[in-house]
Structures are given as C-alpha cells and as structure tokens.
C-alpha cells in the first residue's frame, strides 16, 4: 500500500510581519523568475559570460538551477498547503536563490571577467557588477533568513 504525503496548512508564524515579508520576497522572486524565463536564451549567454569553470554545459545547468530554485521557493513564501518535506525544500530553495546570486556576484567582482550585466533580470534590465549587485543579493539573503525564522516550517502547533 502506497501512502502519499499529506498536504497540511502552514503553522502559525512566530511574528506578525513574517508573512508580509514573505510576500515581498515572493514578489521579488517572481519578478526575477519571469524576467529570466522571458529571455532565457539571453540569460544563458549572460551566465556563460561569467567564465565559471565547467564551460557551456555548466552555464546551462546553472541557469536552469537558478530559475528552478526561484520557482520552487514560491510555495513556502506564499504559505501554500504543502507536505512538511516540500515546505522544507521550498524554504531551502529560497535560501539557495540568495546564495547563488551572492556567489555569482562575488565571482564576478573578484574574477576579472568582461561582464556588463550580472543577469539578475535575465538580460532584460542591466544591473552592472559591483557593490550594488552584492547588496541586492545580501538583501535577498536577509529576507530569506527573516522569513525562514519567522515562518519556520517545523514549528509545533499549540
């Protein structure tokens, strides 16, 4: 007999503002994912220009991982009914989005590569490499941290 995971409602947030910040983070991620998917061919070229070891194949894989993790982060942020395992995976995808963009920005900043756009908006809107781009990825990480802490998926219901 196969037992499927049960979708459950999210637990009550620890703090009142966590769901509101989650919606802000979700809105940012939706904008990033839509712009990257809208120009996915340009986005893959932008990722190839990072000169990351692994060549074209790794650049294509990385661009797909970025977009997939952005999409999979949304169910946790939107407080959808999910199984506990999927809720945790979705929360970690929110962290992965911030981490990947932070590492990419550091790579571009310290590796002398000829990159005009970091690709945060998929090639539609140019965001030049530098401290502003790193600050954006730090803000994403701070939002992910606050939302994860405030809406921890394994909280016990009272």
N, C-alpha and C. Protein backbone atom coordinates (compact mmCIF):
# COMPACT_ATOMS: atom_id res chain seq x y z
N UNK A 1 0.83 -1.17 0.00
CA UNK A 1 0.00 0.00 0.00
C UNK A 1 0.88 1.25 0.00
N UNK A 2 0.60 2.15 -0.88
CA UNK A 2 1.38 3.38 -1.01
C UNK A 2 0.68 4.49 -0.22
N UNK A 3 1.42 5.13 0.63
CA UNK A 3 0.89 6.25 1.38
C UNK A 3 1.50 7.53 0.84
N UNK A 4 0.67 8.41 0.35
CA UNK A 4 1.15 9.68 -0.19
C UNK A 4 1.28 10.71 0.92
N UNK A 5 2.21 11.63 0.77
CA UNK A 5 2.35 12.68 1.78
C UNK A 5 1.09 13.55 1.82
N UNK A 6 0.78 14.01 2.99
CA UNK A 6 -0.41 14.80 3.18
C UNK A 6 -0.07 16.28 3.17
N UNK A 7 -0.82 17.04 2.40
CA UNK A 7 -0.63 18.49 2.39
C UNK A 7 -1.27 19.06 3.65
N UNK A 8 -0.51 19.88 4.33
CA UNK A 8 -1.01 20.49 5.56
C UNK A 8 -0.90 22.01 5.44
N UNK A 9 -1.70 22.68 6.23
CA UNK A 9 -1.63 24.13 6.28
C UNK A 9 -0.34 24.54 7.00
N UNK A 10 0.20 25.68 6.66
CA UNK A 10 1.42 26.12 7.34
C UNK A 10 1.14 26.43 8.80
N UNK A 11 2.15 26.28 9.64
CA UNK A 11 1.99 26.59 11.05
C UNK A 11 1.90 28.11 11.23
N UNK A 12 1.42 28.50 12.35
CA UNK A 12 1.29 29.93 12.65
C UNK A 12 2.68 30.57 12.69
N UNK A 13 2.82 31.76 12.12
CA UNK A 13 4.13 32.40 12.13
C UNK A 13 4.53 32.84 13.53
N UNK A 14 5.83 32.89 13.78
CA UNK A 14 6.35 33.32 15.08
C UNK A 14 6.08 34.80 15.32
N UNK A 15 6.20 35.58 14.24
CA UNK A 15 6.00 37.02 14.33
C UNK A 15 5.00 37.47 13.28
N UNK A 16 4.32 38.57 13.54
CA UNK A 16 3.27 39.04 12.64
C UNK A 16 3.78 39.46 11.26
N UNK A 17 4.96 40.07 11.23
CA UNK A 17 5.45 40.64 9.98
C UNK A 17 6.08 39.62 9.04
N UNK A 18 6.31 38.41 9.47
CA UNK A 18 6.96 37.41 8.62
C UNK A 18 6.16 37.09 7.35
N UNK A 19 4.84 36.89 7.41
CA UNK A 19 4.11 36.63 6.17
C UNK A 19 4.14 37.82 5.20
N UNK A 20 4.18 39.03 5.73
CA UNK A 20 4.25 40.21 4.85
C UNK A 20 5.61 40.29 4.17
N UNK A 21 6.67 40.02 4.93
CA UNK A 21 8.00 39.99 4.31
C UNK A 21 8.12 38.84 3.32
N UNK A 22 7.44 37.74 3.60
CA UNK A 22 7.45 36.61 2.67
C UNK A 22 6.80 37.01 1.35
N UNK A 23 5.74 37.79 1.42
CA UNK A 23 5.11 38.26 0.18
C UNK A 23 6.03 39.21 -0.59
N UNK A 24 6.77 40.05 0.13
CA UNK A 24 7.74 40.94 -0.54
C UNK A 24 8.82 40.11 -1.22
N UNK A 25 9.36 39.12 -0.50
CA UNK A 25 10.39 38.26 -1.08
C UNK A 25 9.83 37.46 -2.25
N UNK A 26 8.59 36.99 -2.13
CA UNK A 26 7.96 36.26 -3.23
C UNK A 26 7.79 37.16 -4.46
N UNK A 27 7.40 38.41 -4.24
CA UNK A 27 7.24 39.34 -5.36
C UNK A 27 8.58 39.58 -6.07
N UNK A 28 9.63 39.72 -5.28
CA UNK A 28 10.97 39.91 -5.88
C UNK A 28 11.35 38.68 -6.69
N UNK A 29 11.13 37.51 -6.12
CA UNK A 29 11.49 36.27 -6.82
C UNK A 29 10.65 36.08 -8.08
N UNK A 30 9.38 36.45 -8.03
CA UNK A 30 8.53 36.34 -9.23
C UNK A 30 9.06 37.24 -10.33
N UNK A 31 9.44 38.46 -9.98
CA UNK A 31 10.00 39.38 -10.99
C UNK A 31 11.27 38.79 -11.58
N UNK A 32 12.15 38.26 -10.72
CA UNK A 32 13.40 37.68 -11.21
C UNK A 32 13.12 36.48 -12.12
N UNK A 33 12.25 35.58 -11.68
CA UNK A 33 11.98 34.36 -12.46
C UNK A 33 11.30 34.69 -13.79
N UNK A 34 10.36 35.61 -13.78
CA UNK A 34 9.65 35.94 -15.03
C UNK A 34 10.60 36.60 -16.03
N UNK A 35 11.42 37.52 -15.55
CA UNK A 35 12.35 38.17 -16.49
C UNK A 35 13.40 37.19 -17.00
N UNK A 36 13.83 36.27 -16.15
CA UNK A 36 14.81 35.28 -16.60
C UNK A 36 14.19 34.28 -17.56
N UNK A 37 12.96 33.88 -17.31
CA UNK A 37 12.31 32.94 -18.22
C UNK A 37 11.90 33.61 -19.53
N UNK A 38 11.54 34.88 -19.46
CA UNK A 38 11.12 35.60 -20.66
C UNK A 38 12.27 35.72 -21.66
N UNK A 39 13.48 35.82 -21.15
CA UNK A 39 14.65 35.94 -22.02
C UNK A 39 15.67 34.86 -21.66
N UNK A 40 15.22 33.61 -21.61
CA UNK A 40 16.09 32.53 -21.14
C UNK A 40 17.30 32.32 -22.05
N UNK A 41 17.15 32.54 -23.36
CA UNK A 41 18.30 32.38 -24.25
C UNK A 41 19.37 33.43 -23.93
N UNK A 42 18.95 34.68 -23.69
CA UNK A 42 19.90 35.72 -23.32
C UNK A 42 20.50 35.43 -21.94
N UNK A 43 19.66 34.90 -21.05
CA UNK A 43 20.11 34.61 -19.70
C UNK A 43 21.21 33.56 -19.70
N UNK A 44 21.07 32.54 -20.54
CA UNK A 44 22.11 31.51 -20.62
C UNK A 44 23.42 32.10 -21.16
N UNK A 45 23.33 33.02 -22.10
CA UNK A 45 24.53 33.67 -22.62
C UNK A 45 25.19 34.52 -21.55
N UNK A 46 24.37 35.23 -20.76
CA UNK A 46 24.91 36.04 -19.66
C UNK A 46 25.63 35.15 -18.66
N UNK A 47 25.04 34.00 -18.32
CA UNK A 47 25.68 33.08 -17.38
C UNK A 47 26.97 32.52 -17.97
N UNK A 48 26.99 32.27 -19.27
CA UNK A 48 28.22 31.78 -19.91
C UNK A 48 29.33 32.83 -19.83
N UNK A 49 28.97 34.10 -19.85
CA UNK A 49 29.97 35.17 -19.80
C UNK A 49 30.63 35.31 -18.43
N UNK A 50 30.12 34.63 -17.41
CA UNK A 50 30.74 34.69 -16.09
C UNK A 50 32.10 34.02 -16.06
N UNK A 51 32.40 33.19 -17.04
CA UNK A 51 33.66 32.43 -17.11
C UNK A 51 33.82 31.50 -15.91
N UNK A 52 32.72 30.87 -15.52
CA UNK A 52 32.75 29.91 -14.43
C UNK A 52 33.32 28.61 -14.96
N UNK A 53 34.19 27.94 -14.20
CA UNK A 53 34.72 26.67 -14.67
C UNK A 53 33.59 25.68 -14.95
N UNK A 54 33.74 24.94 -16.02
CA UNK A 54 32.72 23.97 -16.40
C UNK A 54 32.19 24.22 -17.80
N UNK A 55 32.46 25.38 -18.31
CA UNK A 55 32.09 25.68 -19.69
C UNK A 55 30.62 25.92 -19.92
N UNK A 56 30.23 25.69 -21.17
CA UNK A 56 28.87 25.97 -21.62
C UNK A 56 27.86 25.05 -20.96
N UNK A 57 28.23 23.80 -20.75
CA UNK A 57 27.29 22.84 -20.15
C UNK A 57 26.97 23.24 -18.71
N UNK A 58 27.98 23.62 -17.95
CA UNK A 58 27.72 24.03 -16.57
C UNK A 58 26.94 25.34 -16.51
N UNK A 59 27.20 26.24 -17.46
CA UNK A 59 26.46 27.50 -17.50
C UNK A 59 24.98 27.25 -17.78
N UNK A 60 24.69 26.31 -18.68
CA UNK A 60 23.29 25.97 -18.95
C UNK A 60 22.64 25.33 -17.74
N UNK A 61 23.38 24.46 -17.05
CA UNK A 61 22.86 23.82 -15.84
C UNK A 61 22.63 24.85 -14.73
N UNK A 62 23.57 25.76 -14.55
CA UNK A 62 23.44 26.79 -13.52
C UNK A 62 22.26 27.71 -13.78
N UNK A 63 22.07 28.10 -15.03
CA UNK A 63 20.94 28.97 -15.35
C UNK A 63 19.62 28.25 -15.09
N UNK A 64 19.56 26.96 -15.38
CA UNK A 64 18.34 26.20 -15.09
C UNK A 64 18.14 26.04 -13.59
N UNK A 65 19.20 25.80 -12.83
CA UNK A 65 19.10 25.65 -11.38
C UNK A 65 18.61 26.95 -10.75
N UNK A 66 19.09 28.07 -11.24
CA UNK A 66 18.67 29.37 -10.69
C UNK A 66 17.16 29.54 -10.86
N UNK A 67 16.67 29.34 -12.07
CA UNK A 67 15.25 29.56 -12.34
C UNK A 67 14.39 28.53 -11.60
N UNK A 68 14.81 27.28 -11.58
CA UNK A 68 14.03 26.25 -10.89
C UNK A 68 13.96 26.53 -9.39
N UNK A 69 15.08 26.94 -8.80
CA UNK A 69 15.06 27.23 -7.36
C UNK A 69 14.20 28.45 -7.06
N UNK A 70 14.16 29.42 -7.96
CA UNK A 70 13.29 30.58 -7.76
C UNK A 70 11.82 30.16 -7.79
N UNK A 71 11.47 29.30 -8.71
CA UNK A 71 10.08 28.85 -8.80
C UNK A 71 9.70 27.97 -7.61
N UNK A 72 10.59 27.09 -7.19
CA UNK A 72 10.29 26.19 -6.08
C UNK A 72 10.33 26.90 -4.72
N UNK A 73 10.87 28.10 -4.65
CA UNK A 73 10.85 28.86 -3.40
C UNK A 73 9.48 29.48 -3.13
N UNK A 74 8.69 29.64 -4.15
CA UNK A 74 7.41 30.35 -4.01
C UNK A 74 6.37 29.66 -3.13
N UNK A 75 6.19 28.35 -3.17
CA UNK A 75 5.14 27.75 -2.31
C UNK A 75 5.32 28.03 -0.82
N UNK A 76 6.54 27.99 -0.32
CA UNK A 76 6.78 28.31 1.10
C UNK A 76 6.48 29.77 1.37
N UNK A 77 6.92 30.64 0.48
CA UNK A 77 6.73 32.07 0.69
C UNK A 77 5.26 32.48 0.61
N UNK A 78 4.49 31.79 -0.23
CA UNK A 78 3.07 32.11 -0.37
C UNK A 78 2.20 31.35 0.61
N UNK A 79 2.83 30.56 1.49
CA UNK A 79 2.13 29.81 2.54
C UNK A 79 1.06 28.89 1.98
N UNK A 80 1.42 28.16 0.94
CA UNK A 80 0.51 27.19 0.34
C UNK A 80 0.41 25.94 1.21
N UNK A 81 -0.62 25.16 0.97
CA UNK A 81 -0.76 23.86 1.65
C UNK A 81 0.23 22.90 0.99
N UNK A 82 1.17 22.40 1.80
CA UNK A 82 2.22 21.52 1.30
C UNK A 82 2.48 20.43 2.32
N UNK A 83 3.16 19.39 1.87
CA UNK A 83 3.67 18.42 2.84
C UNK A 83 4.84 19.07 3.58
N UNK A 84 5.17 18.51 4.74
CA UNK A 84 6.27 19.10 5.52
C UNK A 84 7.59 19.03 4.77
N UNK A 85 7.81 17.93 4.05
CA UNK A 85 9.07 17.79 3.30
C UNK A 85 9.15 18.83 2.19
N UNK A 86 8.06 19.04 1.46
CA UNK A 86 8.07 20.03 0.39
C UNK A 86 8.20 21.44 0.95
N UNK A 87 7.62 21.69 2.12
CA UNK A 87 7.74 23.00 2.75
C UNK A 87 9.21 23.29 3.08
N UNK A 88 9.92 22.28 3.56
CA UNK A 88 11.34 22.46 3.88
C UNK A 88 12.16 22.66 2.60
N UNK A 89 11.88 21.86 1.58
CA UNK A 89 12.58 22.01 0.30
C UNK A 89 12.34 23.40 -0.28
N UNK A 90 11.11 23.87 -0.20
CA UNK A 90 10.78 25.19 -0.72
C UNK A 90 11.50 26.28 0.06
N UNK A 91 11.59 26.13 1.38
CA UNK A 91 12.31 27.11 2.19
C UNK A 91 13.79 27.13 1.80
N UNK A 92 14.39 25.93 1.63
CA UNK A 92 15.79 25.87 1.25
C UNK A 92 16.03 26.42 -0.15
N UNK A 93 15.06 26.30 -1.03
CA UNK A 93 15.20 26.91 -2.37
C UNK A 93 15.25 28.43 -2.27
N UNK A 94 14.50 29.00 -1.32
CA UNK A 94 14.59 30.44 -1.09
C UNK A 94 15.98 30.86 -0.64
N UNK A 95 16.60 30.02 0.22
CA UNK A 95 17.97 30.27 0.63
C UNK A 95 18.94 30.10 -0.54
N UNK A 96 18.68 29.08 -1.36
CA UNK A 96 19.56 28.78 -2.49
C UNK A 96 19.60 29.93 -3.50
N UNK A 97 18.46 30.56 -3.72
CA UNK A 97 18.41 31.71 -4.64
C UNK A 97 19.36 32.80 -4.17
N UNK A 98 19.25 33.16 -2.90
CA UNK A 98 20.11 34.22 -2.36
C UNK A 98 21.58 33.81 -2.39
N UNK A 99 21.87 32.56 -2.04
CA UNK A 99 23.25 32.09 -2.01
C UNK A 99 23.88 32.07 -3.40
N UNK A 100 23.14 31.57 -4.38
CA UNK A 100 23.69 31.50 -5.74
C UNK A 100 24.00 32.89 -6.25
N UNK A 101 23.06 33.83 -6.06
CA UNK A 101 23.31 35.18 -6.56
C UNK A 101 24.46 35.86 -5.81
N UNK A 102 24.60 35.58 -4.53
CA UNK A 102 25.71 36.14 -3.78
C UNK A 102 27.04 35.59 -4.29
N UNK A 103 27.12 34.28 -4.50
CA UNK A 103 28.36 33.68 -5.00
C UNK A 103 28.69 34.14 -6.42
N UNK A 104 27.67 34.28 -7.26
CA UNK A 104 27.90 34.78 -8.62
C UNK A 104 28.44 36.21 -8.57
N UNK A 105 27.85 37.04 -7.72
CA UNK A 105 28.32 38.43 -7.63
C UNK A 105 29.74 38.51 -7.10
N UNK A 106 30.07 37.68 -6.12
CA UNK A 106 31.46 37.66 -5.64
C UNK A 106 32.41 37.17 -6.72
N UNK A 107 32.00 36.15 -7.46
CA UNK A 107 32.84 35.63 -8.53
C UNK A 107 33.12 36.71 -9.56
N UNK A 108 32.09 37.42 -9.96
CA UNK A 108 32.26 38.46 -10.98
C UNK A 108 33.10 39.62 -10.44
N UNK A 109 32.93 39.95 -9.17
CA UNK A 109 33.66 41.08 -8.59
C UNK A 109 35.16 40.79 -8.49
N UNK A 110 35.52 39.57 -8.09
CA UNK A 110 36.92 39.26 -7.87
C UNK A 110 37.61 38.56 -9.02
N UNK A 111 36.86 38.09 -9.99
CA UNK A 111 37.44 37.47 -11.18
C UNK A 111 37.37 38.49 -12.30
N UNK A 112 38.50 38.84 -12.86
CA UNK A 112 38.46 39.83 -13.95
C UNK A 112 37.81 39.25 -15.20
N UNK A 113 36.52 39.43 -15.31
CA UNK A 113 35.77 38.97 -16.48
C UNK A 113 35.07 40.18 -17.09
N UNK A 114 34.90 40.12 -18.37
CA UNK A 114 34.24 41.21 -19.07
C UNK A 114 32.73 40.98 -19.05
N UNK A 115 32.10 41.40 -17.97
CA UNK A 115 30.66 41.21 -17.81
C UNK A 115 30.03 42.58 -17.59
N UNK A 116 29.07 42.92 -18.44
CA UNK A 116 28.37 44.20 -18.30
C UNK A 116 27.11 44.06 -17.49
N UNK A 117 26.56 42.86 -17.43
CA UNK A 117 25.29 42.62 -16.75
C UNK A 117 25.42 41.34 -15.94
N UNK A 118 24.96 41.37 -14.69
CA UNK A 118 25.06 40.16 -13.88
C UNK A 118 23.93 39.18 -14.20
N UNK A 119 22.91 39.62 -14.89
CA UNK A 119 21.85 38.71 -15.31
C UNK A 119 20.75 38.51 -14.29
N UNK A 120 20.71 39.33 -13.27
CA UNK A 120 19.68 39.18 -12.24
C UNK A 120 18.28 39.28 -12.85
N UNK A 121 18.14 40.13 -13.85
CA UNK A 121 16.86 40.27 -14.54
C UNK A 121 16.89 39.61 -15.91
N UNK A 122 17.73 38.62 -16.08
CA UNK A 122 17.74 37.79 -17.27
C UNK A 122 18.18 38.46 -18.55
N UNK A 123 18.81 39.56 -18.50
CA UNK A 123 19.25 40.23 -19.71
C UNK A 123 18.29 41.30 -20.19
N UNK A 124 17.13 41.44 -19.55
CA UNK A 124 16.18 42.48 -19.94
C UNK A 124 16.54 43.83 -19.35
N UNK A 125 16.92 43.83 -18.08
CA UNK A 125 17.33 45.05 -17.40
C UNK A 125 18.75 44.81 -16.91
N UNK A 126 19.65 45.70 -17.31
CA UNK A 126 21.06 45.52 -16.96
C UNK A 126 21.34 46.01 -15.55
N UNK A 127 21.93 45.14 -14.75
CA UNK A 127 22.43 45.50 -13.43
C UNK A 127 23.93 45.21 -13.46
N UNK A 128 24.71 46.28 -13.39
CA UNK A 128 26.15 46.15 -13.55
C UNK A 128 26.78 45.51 -12.31
N UNK A 129 27.84 44.73 -12.52
CA UNK A 129 28.50 44.10 -11.38
C UNK A 129 29.12 45.15 -10.46
N UNK A 130 29.16 44.83 -9.21
CA UNK A 130 29.73 45.75 -8.23
C UNK A 130 29.05 45.59 -6.89
N UNK A 131 29.25 46.58 -6.06
CA UNK A 131 28.74 46.50 -4.71
C UNK A 131 27.22 46.62 -4.65
N UNK A 132 26.60 47.29 -5.61
CA UNK A 132 25.13 47.35 -5.64
C UNK A 132 24.55 45.96 -5.88
N UNK A 133 25.13 45.23 -6.79
CA UNK A 133 24.64 43.87 -7.07
C UNK A 133 24.86 42.96 -5.87
N UNK A 134 25.99 43.10 -5.19
CA UNK A 134 26.24 42.30 -4.00
C UNK A 134 25.26 42.69 -2.90
N UNK A 135 24.95 43.97 -2.79
CA UNK A 135 23.98 44.43 -1.80
C UNK A 135 22.60 43.84 -2.06
N UNK A 136 22.22 43.75 -3.32
CA UNK A 136 20.93 43.15 -3.67
C UNK A 136 20.90 41.69 -3.23
N UNK A 137 21.97 40.95 -3.48
CA UNK A 137 21.99 39.55 -3.07
C UNK A 137 22.03 39.40 -1.55
N UNK A 138 22.66 40.34 -0.86
CA UNK A 138 22.64 40.30 0.61
C UNK A 138 21.23 40.58 1.12
N UNK A 139 20.53 41.51 0.49
CA UNK A 139 19.14 41.79 0.87
C UNK A 139 18.28 40.55 0.65
N UNK A 140 18.51 39.83 -0.44
CA UNK A 140 17.77 38.59 -0.67
C UNK A 140 18.06 37.58 0.44
N UNK A 141 19.30 37.48 0.86
CA UNK A 141 19.66 36.57 1.94
C UNK A 141 19.05 36.97 3.27
N UNK A 142 19.02 38.27 3.56
CA UNK A 142 18.41 38.75 4.80
C UNK A 142 16.92 38.47 4.79
N UNK A 143 16.26 38.72 3.67
CA UNK A 143 14.83 38.41 3.56
C UNK A 143 14.58 36.92 3.75
N UNK A 144 15.41 36.09 3.12
CA UNK A 144 15.25 34.64 3.27
C UNK A 144 15.43 34.22 4.73
N UNK A 145 16.39 34.81 5.41
CA UNK A 145 16.64 34.47 6.80
C UNK A 145 15.50 34.88 7.72
N UNK A 146 15.01 36.10 7.56
CA UNK A 146 13.92 36.58 8.41
C UNK A 146 12.65 35.78 8.17
N UNK A 147 12.36 35.52 6.90
CA UNK A 147 11.14 34.77 6.57
C UNK A 147 11.26 33.34 7.07
N UNK A 148 12.41 32.71 6.92
CA UNK A 148 12.59 31.34 7.40
C UNK A 148 12.47 31.26 8.91
N UNK A 149 13.04 32.22 9.60
CA UNK A 149 12.93 32.24 11.05
C UNK A 149 11.49 32.51 11.50
N UNK A 150 10.84 33.45 10.85
CA UNK A 150 9.50 33.83 11.25
C UNK A 150 8.42 32.83 10.90
N UNK A 151 8.66 32.04 9.87
CA UNK A 151 7.66 31.06 9.44
C UNK A 151 8.26 29.66 9.40
N UNK A 152 9.04 29.31 10.41
CA UNK A 152 9.74 28.04 10.45
C UNK A 152 8.78 26.89 10.19
N UNK A 153 9.07 26.02 9.19
CA UNK A 153 8.10 25.00 8.78
C UNK A 153 7.90 23.86 9.76
N UNK A 154 8.81 23.67 10.69
CA UNK A 154 8.68 22.56 11.62
C UNK A 154 8.20 23.00 12.99
N UNK A 155 7.58 24.16 13.05
CA UNK A 155 7.08 24.66 14.34
C UNK A 155 5.92 23.77 14.81
N UNK A 156 5.89 23.58 16.09
CA UNK A 156 4.82 22.75 16.68
C UNK A 156 3.56 23.59 16.85
N UNK A 157 2.45 23.01 16.51
CA UNK A 157 1.18 23.70 16.71
C UNK A 157 0.75 23.53 18.16
N UNK A 158 0.29 24.61 18.75
CA UNK A 158 -0.14 24.56 20.15
C UNK A 158 -1.62 24.34 20.26
